[in-house]
Every structure is written in C-alpha cells, then in structure tokens.
C-alpha cells in the first residue's frame, strides 16, 4: 500500500490537543505549519513506536481504504 498521510483533522478527531501536538512535533523536529499544510507521512509516524501516533496512522489508513 502506498504511504498515506495523517492530517490535523485525524489528530483532532482522536481528541489530541494542539498544545501537546505542537510540543511533541517540536521535539521531533517537525515544522508545525508544514504539518498543517501538508500532513505527515504515516510511515514516519509509525516509525516513532508511539501509541498515540499509531492510533492516528490506523485512522488515516482506515479512511484511505
């Protein structure tokens, strides 16, 4: 399957707060505005081995089917 993207709407639908997301993205070196504009790779999120990121990937993958 071609790599999907996770968008802000996915994270918000899971109840994730912008404040926490911005802090986590900053620690990971992800530009917040670029994420808002373009989303982020499911593969990159999956590589973080983070339960919250995995939930977002699973949601985006279900939606892409």
PDB file of N, CA and C in Angstrom:
ATOM      1  N   UNK A   1       0.846  -1.195   0.000  1.00  0.00           N
ATOM      2  CA  UNK A   1       0.000   0.000   0.000  1.00  0.00           C
ATOM      3  C   UNK A   1       0.880   1.244   0.000  1.00  0.00           C
ATOM      4  N   UNK A   2       0.544   2.177  -0.847  1.00  0.00           N
ATOM      5  CA  UNK A   2       1.274   3.432  -0.899  1.00  0.00           C
ATOM      6  C   UNK A   2       1.097   4.161   0.434  1.00  0.00           C
ATOM      7  N   UNK A   3       2.141   4.868   0.832  1.00  0.00           N
ATOM      8  CA  UNK A   3       2.093   5.531   2.137  1.00  0.00           C
ATOM      9  C   UNK A   3       0.979   6.564   2.191  1.00  0.00           C
ATOM     10  N   UNK A   4       0.256   6.548   3.272  1.00  0.00           N
ATOM     11  CA  UNK A   4      -0.809   7.516   3.490  1.00  0.00           C
ATOM     12  C   UNK A   4      -0.255   8.714   4.261  1.00  0.00           C
ATOM     13  N   UNK A   5      -1.120   9.663   4.482  1.00  0.00           N
ATOM     14  CA  UNK A   5      -0.758  10.844   5.273  1.00  0.00           C
ATOM     15  C   UNK A   5      -1.759  11.011   6.403  1.00  0.00           C
ATOM     16  N   UNK A   6      -1.247  11.468   7.525  1.00  0.00           N
ATOM     17  CA  UNK A   6      -2.082  11.851   8.664  1.00  0.00           C
ATOM     18  C   UNK A   6      -2.184  13.364   8.629  1.00  0.00           C
ATOM     19  N   UNK A   7      -3.411  13.847   8.746  1.00  0.00           N
ATOM     20  CA  UNK A   7      -3.667  15.285   8.731  1.00  0.00           C
ATOM     21  C   UNK A   7      -4.171  15.733  10.099  1.00  0.00           C
ATOM     22  N   UNK A   8      -4.160  17.038  10.287  1.00  0.00           N
ATOM     23  CA  UNK A   8      -4.591  17.620  11.550  1.00  0.00           C
ATOM     24  C   UNK A   8      -5.976  17.116  11.948  1.00  0.00           C
ATOM     25  N   UNK A   9      -6.871  17.002  10.996  1.00  0.00           N
ATOM     26  CA  UNK A   9      -8.236  16.543  11.298  1.00  0.00           C
ATOM     27  C   UNK A   9      -8.243  15.147  11.922  1.00  0.00           C
ATOM     28  N   UNK A  10      -7.316  14.298  11.519  1.00  0.00           N
ATOM     29  CA  UNK A  10      -7.235  12.970  12.121  1.00  0.00           C
ATOM     30  C   UNK A  10      -6.891  13.082  13.617  1.00  0.00           C
ATOM     31  N   UNK A  11      -5.901  13.888  13.899  1.00  0.00           N
ATOM     32  CA  UNK A  11      -5.458  14.020  15.291  1.00  0.00           C
ATOM     33  C   UNK A  11      -6.526  14.667  16.159  1.00  0.00           C
ATOM     34  N   UNK A  12      -7.203  15.661  15.615  1.00  0.00           N
ATOM     35  CA  UNK A  12      -8.269  16.322  16.383  1.00  0.00           C
ATOM     36  C   UNK A  12      -9.439  15.377  16.605  1.00  0.00           C
ATOM     37  N   UNK A  13      -9.747  14.548  15.620  1.00  0.00           N
ATOM     38  CA  UNK A  13     -10.871  13.621  15.792  1.00  0.00           C
ATOM     39  C   UNK A  13     -10.585  12.582  16.871  1.00  0.00           C
ATOM     40  N   UNK A  14      -9.310  12.350  17.154  1.00  0.00           N
ATOM     41  CA  UNK A  14      -8.930  11.442  18.231  1.00  0.00           C
ATOM     42  C   UNK A  14      -8.863  12.155  19.586  1.00  0.00           C
ATOM     43  N   UNK A  15      -9.103  13.461  19.572  1.00  0.00           N
ATOM     44  CA  UNK A  15      -9.118  14.228  20.813  1.00  0.00           C
ATOM     45  C   UNK A  15      -7.764  14.754  21.247  1.00  0.00           C
ATOM     46  N   UNK A  16      -6.768  14.711  20.359  1.00  0.00           N
ATOM     47  CA  UNK A  16      -5.435  15.198  20.709  1.00  0.00           C
ATOM     48  C   UNK A  16      -5.431  16.723  20.701  1.00  0.00           C
ATOM     49  N   UNK A  17      -4.809  17.328  21.697  1.00  0.00           N
ATOM     50  CA  UNK A  17      -4.818  18.788  21.810  1.00  0.00           C
ATOM     51  C   UNK A  17      -3.646  19.404  21.040  1.00  0.00           C
ATOM     52  N   UNK A  18      -3.900  20.576  20.497  1.00  0.00           N
ATOM     53  CA  UNK A  18      -2.869  21.268  19.723  1.00  0.00           C
ATOM     54  C   UNK A  18      -1.631  21.575  20.549  1.00  0.00           C
ATOM     55  N   UNK A  19      -1.803  21.926  21.789  1.00  0.00           N
ATOM     56  CA  UNK A  19      -0.656  22.271  22.629  1.00  0.00           C
ATOM     57  C   UNK A  19       0.297  21.085  22.754  1.00  0.00           C
ATOM     58  N   UNK A  20      -0.238  19.943  23.071  1.00  0.00           N
ATOM     59  CA  UNK A  20       0.589  18.743  23.194  1.00  0.00           C
ATOM     60  C   UNK A  20       1.188  18.325  21.867  1.00  0.00           C
ATOM     61  N   UNK A  21       0.412  18.438  20.805  1.00  0.00           N
ATOM     62  CA  UNK A  21       0.918  18.078  19.482  1.00  0.00           C
ATOM     63  C   UNK A  21       2.069  18.986  19.067  1.00  0.00           C
ATOM     64  N   UNK A  22       1.905  20.270  19.295  1.00  0.00           N
ATOM     65  CA  UNK A  22       2.958  21.217  18.916  1.00  0.00           C
ATOM     66  C   UNK A  22       4.248  20.923  19.666  1.00  0.00           C
ATOM     67  N   UNK A  23       4.141  20.627  20.945  1.00  0.00           N
ATOM     68  CA  UNK A  23       5.335  20.304  21.745  1.00  0.00           C
ATOM     69  C   UNK A  23       6.003  19.037  21.246  1.00  0.00           C
ATOM     70  N   UNK A  24       5.210  18.001  20.982  1.00  0.00           N
ATOM     71  CA  UNK A  24       5.772  16.743  20.513  1.00  0.00           C
ATOM     72  C   UNK A  24       6.432  16.923  19.147  1.00  0.00           C
ATOM     73  N   UNK A  25       5.757  17.625  18.237  1.00  0.00           N
ATOM     74  CA  UNK A  25       6.327  17.856  16.913  1.00  0.00           C
ATOM     75  C   UNK A  25       7.635  18.646  17.027  1.00  0.00           C
ATOM     76  N   UNK A  26       7.671  19.645  17.892  1.00  0.00           N
ATOM     77  CA  UNK A  26       8.901  20.435  18.064  1.00  0.00           C
ATOM     78  C   UNK A  26      10.046  19.543  18.545  1.00  0.00           C
ATOM     79  N   UNK A  27       9.761  18.661  19.509  1.00  0.00           N
ATOM     80  CA  UNK A  27      10.804  17.737  19.996  1.00  0.00           C
ATOM     81  C   UNK A  27      11.282  16.801  18.890  1.00  0.00           C
ATOM     82  N   UNK A  28      10.400  16.469  17.972  1.00  0.00           N
ATOM     83  CA  UNK A  28      10.734  15.553  16.882  1.00  0.00           C
ATOM     84  C   UNK A  28      11.286  16.273  15.648  1.00  0.00           C
ATOM     85  N   UNK A  29      11.356  17.605  15.702  1.00  0.00           N
ATOM     86  CA  UNK A  29      11.897  18.373  14.595  1.00  0.00           C
ATOM     87  C   UNK A  29      10.931  18.556  13.430  1.00  0.00           C
ATOM     88  N   UNK A  30       9.642  18.458  13.701  1.00  0.00           N
ATOM     89  CA  UNK A  30       8.622  18.611  12.668  1.00  0.00           C
ATOM     90  C   UNK A  30       8.100  20.043  12.689  1.00  0.00           C
ATOM     91  N   UNK A  31       8.079  20.661  11.526  1.00  0.00           N
ATOM     92  CA  UNK A  31       7.561  22.016  11.397  1.00  0.00           C
ATOM     93  C   UNK A  31       6.038  21.979  11.490  1.00  0.00           C
ATOM     94  N   UNK A  32       5.474  22.663  12.463  1.00  0.00           N
ATOM     95  CA  UNK A  32       4.033  22.640  12.710  1.00  0.00           C
ATOM     96  C   UNK A  32       3.237  23.146  11.508  1.00  0.00           C
ATOM     97  N   UNK A  33       3.663  24.268  10.939  1.00  0.00           N
ATOM     98  CA  UNK A  33       2.916  24.831   9.814  1.00  0.00           C
ATOM     99  C   UNK A  33       2.971  23.913   8.597  1.00  0.00           C
ATOM    100  N   UNK A  34       4.109  23.281   8.373  1.00  0.00           N
ATOM    101  CA  UNK A  34       4.212  22.339   7.265  1.00  0.00           C
ATOM    102  C   UNK A  34       3.256  21.165   7.484  1.00  0.00           C
ATOM    103  N   UNK A  35       3.175  20.690   8.709  1.00  0.00           N
ATOM    104  CA  UNK A  35       2.225  19.623   9.024  1.00  0.00           C
ATOM    105  C   UNK A  35       0.794  20.074   8.741  1.00  0.00           C
ATOM    106  N   UNK A  36       0.433  21.270   9.198  1.00  0.00           N
ATOM    107  CA  UNK A  36      -0.922  21.764   8.962  1.00  0.00           C
ATOM    108  C   UNK A  36      -1.228  21.871   7.468  1.00  0.00           C
ATOM    109  N   UNK A  37      -0.239  22.291   6.700  1.00  0.00           N
ATOM    110  CA  UNK A  37      -0.432  22.483   5.269  1.00  0.00           C
ATOM    111  C   UNK A  37      -0.429  21.176   4.472  1.00  0.00           C
ATOM    112  N   UNK A  38       0.394  20.222   4.892  1.00  0.00           N
ATOM    113  CA  UNK A  38       0.670  19.062   4.052  1.00  0.00           C
ATOM    114  C   UNK A  38       0.438  17.696   4.705  1.00  0.00           C
ATOM    115  N   UNK A  39       0.147  17.678   6.000  1.00  0.00           N
ATOM    116  CA  UNK A  39       0.045  16.397   6.690  1.00  0.00           C
ATOM    117  C   UNK A  39       1.422  15.815   6.943  1.00  0.00           C
ATOM    118  N   UNK A  40       1.439  14.587   7.445  1.00  0.00           N
ATOM    119  CA  UNK A  40       2.702  13.928   7.751  1.00  0.00           C
ATOM    120  C   UNK A  40       2.590  12.456   7.369  1.00  0.00           C
ATOM    121  N   UNK A  41       3.655  11.896   6.954  1.00  0.00           N
ATOM    122  CA  UNK A  41       3.698  10.530   6.466  1.00  0.00           C
ATOM    123  C   UNK A  41       3.306   9.520   7.554  1.00  0.00           C
ATOM    124  N   UNK A  42       2.447   8.599   7.164  1.00  0.00           N
ATOM    125  CA  UNK A  42       2.091   7.512   8.084  1.00  0.00           C
ATOM    126  C   UNK A  42       3.336   6.700   8.451  1.00  0.00           C
ATOM    127  N   UNK A  43       4.212   6.493   7.484  1.00  0.00           N
ATOM    128  CA  UNK A  43       5.431   5.716   7.745  1.00  0.00           C
ATOM    129  C   UNK A  43       6.296   6.395   8.805  1.00  0.00           C
ATOM    130  N   UNK A  44       6.422   7.716   8.720  1.00  0.00           N
ATOM    131  CA  UNK A  44       7.231   8.433   9.712  1.00  0.00           C
ATOM    132  C   UNK A  44       6.606   8.289  11.093  1.00  0.00           C
ATOM    133  N   UNK A  45       5.294   8.497  11.174  1.00  0.00           N
ATOM    134  CA  UNK A  45       4.628   8.364  12.472  1.00  0.00           C
ATOM    135  C   UNK A  45       4.752   6.948  13.011  1.00  0.00           C
ATOM    136  N   UNK A  46       4.562   5.966  12.154  1.00  0.00           N
ATOM    137  CA  UNK A  46       4.660   4.569  12.584  1.00  0.00           C
ATOM    138  C   UNK A  46       6.055   4.264  13.135  1.00  0.00           C
ATOM    139  N   UNK A  47       7.068   4.876  12.557  1.00  0.00           N
ATOM    140  CA  UNK A  47       8.452   4.616  12.979  1.00  0.00           C
ATOM    141  C   UNK A  47       8.742   5.127  14.386  1.00  0.00           C
ATOM    142  N   UNK A  48       7.883   5.963  14.931  1.00  0.00           N
ATOM    143  CA  UNK A  48       8.094   6.534  16.261  1.00  0.00           C
ATOM    144  C   UNK A  48       7.746   5.555  17.379  1.00  0.00           C
ATOM    145  N   UNK A  49       7.090   4.463  17.051  1.00  0.00           N
ATOM    146  CA  UNK A  49       6.689   3.476  18.068  1.00  0.00           C
ATOM    147  C   UNK A  49       5.996   4.143  19.250  1.00  0.00           C
ATOM    148  N   UNK A  50       5.037   4.991  18.917  1.00  0.00           N
ATOM    149  CA  UNK A  50       4.296   5.759  19.902  1.00  0.00           C
ATOM    150  C   UNK A  50       2.826   5.376  19.754  1.00  0.00           C
ATOM    151  N   UNK A  51       2.187   4.988  20.846  1.00  0.00           N
ATOM    152  CA  UNK A  51       0.804   4.502  20.793  1.00  0.00           C
ATOM    153  C   UNK A  51      -0.154   5.540  20.215  1.00  0.00           C
ATOM    154  N   UNK A  52       0.019   6.791  20.564  1.00  0.00           N
ATOM    155  CA  UNK A  52      -0.873   7.827  20.060  1.00  0.00           C
ATOM    156  C   UNK A  52      -0.666   8.040  18.562  1.00  0.00           C
ATOM    157  N   UNK A  53       0.579   8.007  18.126  1.00  0.00           N
ATOM    158  CA  UNK A  53       0.865   8.145  16.699  1.00  0.00           C
ATOM    159  C   UNK A  53       0.295   6.955  15.929  1.00  0.00           C
ATOM    160  N   UNK A  54       0.414   5.780  16.493  1.00  0.00           N
ATOM    161  CA  UNK A  54      -0.113   4.578  15.850  1.00  0.00           C
ATOM    162  C   UNK A  54      -1.619   4.659  15.688  1.00  0.00           C
ATOM    163  N   UNK A  55      -2.315   5.174  16.684  1.00  0.00           N
ATOM    164  CA  UNK A  55      -3.769   5.345  16.567  1.00  0.00           C
ATOM    165  C   UNK A  55      -4.116   6.262  15.407  1.00  0.00           C
ATOM    166  N   UNK A  56      -3.349   7.339  15.241  1.00  0.00           N
ATOM    167  CA  UNK A  56      -3.598   8.278  14.149  1.00  0.00           C
ATOM    168  C   UNK A  56      -3.346   7.618  12.796  1.00  0.00           C
ATOM    169  N   UNK A  57      -2.287   6.840  12.697  1.00  0.00           N
ATOM    170  CA  UNK A  57      -1.982   6.127  11.454  1.00  0.00           C
ATOM    171  C   UNK A  57      -3.104   5.151  11.119  1.00  0.00           C
ATOM    172  N   UNK A  58      -3.550   4.412  12.100  1.00  0.00           N
ATOM    173  CA  UNK A  58      -4.624   3.445  11.863  1.00  0.00           C
ATOM    174  C   UNK A  58      -5.892   4.129  11.372  1.00  0.00           C
ATOM    175  N   UNK A  59      -6.206   5.285  11.937  1.00  0.00           N
ATOM    176  CA  UNK A  59      -7.378   6.046  11.497  1.00  0.00           C
ATOM    177  C   UNK A  59      -7.214   6.498  10.042  1.00  0.00           C
ATOM    178  N   UNK A  60      -6.070   7.058   9.712  1.00  0.00           N
ATOM    179  CA  UNK A  60      -5.822   7.532   8.344  1.00  0.00           C
ATOM    180  C   UNK A  60      -5.847   6.376   7.344  1.00  0.00           C
ATOM    181  N   UNK A  61      -5.292   5.237   7.730  1.00  0.00           N
ATOM    182  CA  UNK A  61      -5.296   4.079   6.836  1.00  0.00           C
ATOM    183  C   UNK A  61      -6.717   3.548   6.616  1.00  0.00           C
ATOM    184  N   UNK A  62      -7.512   3.508   7.668  1.00  0.00           N
ATOM    185  CA  UNK A  62      -8.910   3.059   7.510  1.00  0.00           C
ATOM    186  C   UNK A  62      -9.652   4.003   6.565  1.00  0.00           C
ATOM    187  N   UNK A  63      -9.422   5.289   6.723  1.00  0.00           N
ATOM    188  CA  UNK A  63     -10.103   6.282   5.903  1.00  0.00           C
ATOM    189  C   UNK A  63      -9.682   6.177   4.437  1.00  0.00           C
ATOM    190  N   UNK A  64      -8.418   5.820   4.196  1.00  0.00           N
ATOM    191  CA  UNK A  64      -7.898   5.755   2.837  1.00  0.00           C
ATOM    192  C   UNK A  64      -8.411   4.553   2.048  1.00  0.00           C
ATOM    193  N   UNK A  65      -8.959   3.567   2.735  1.00  0.00           N
ATOM    194  CA  UNK A  65      -9.441   2.355   2.048  1.00  0.00           C
ATOM    195  C   UNK A  65     -10.716   2.584   1.300  1.00  0.00           C
TER     196      UNK A  65
END
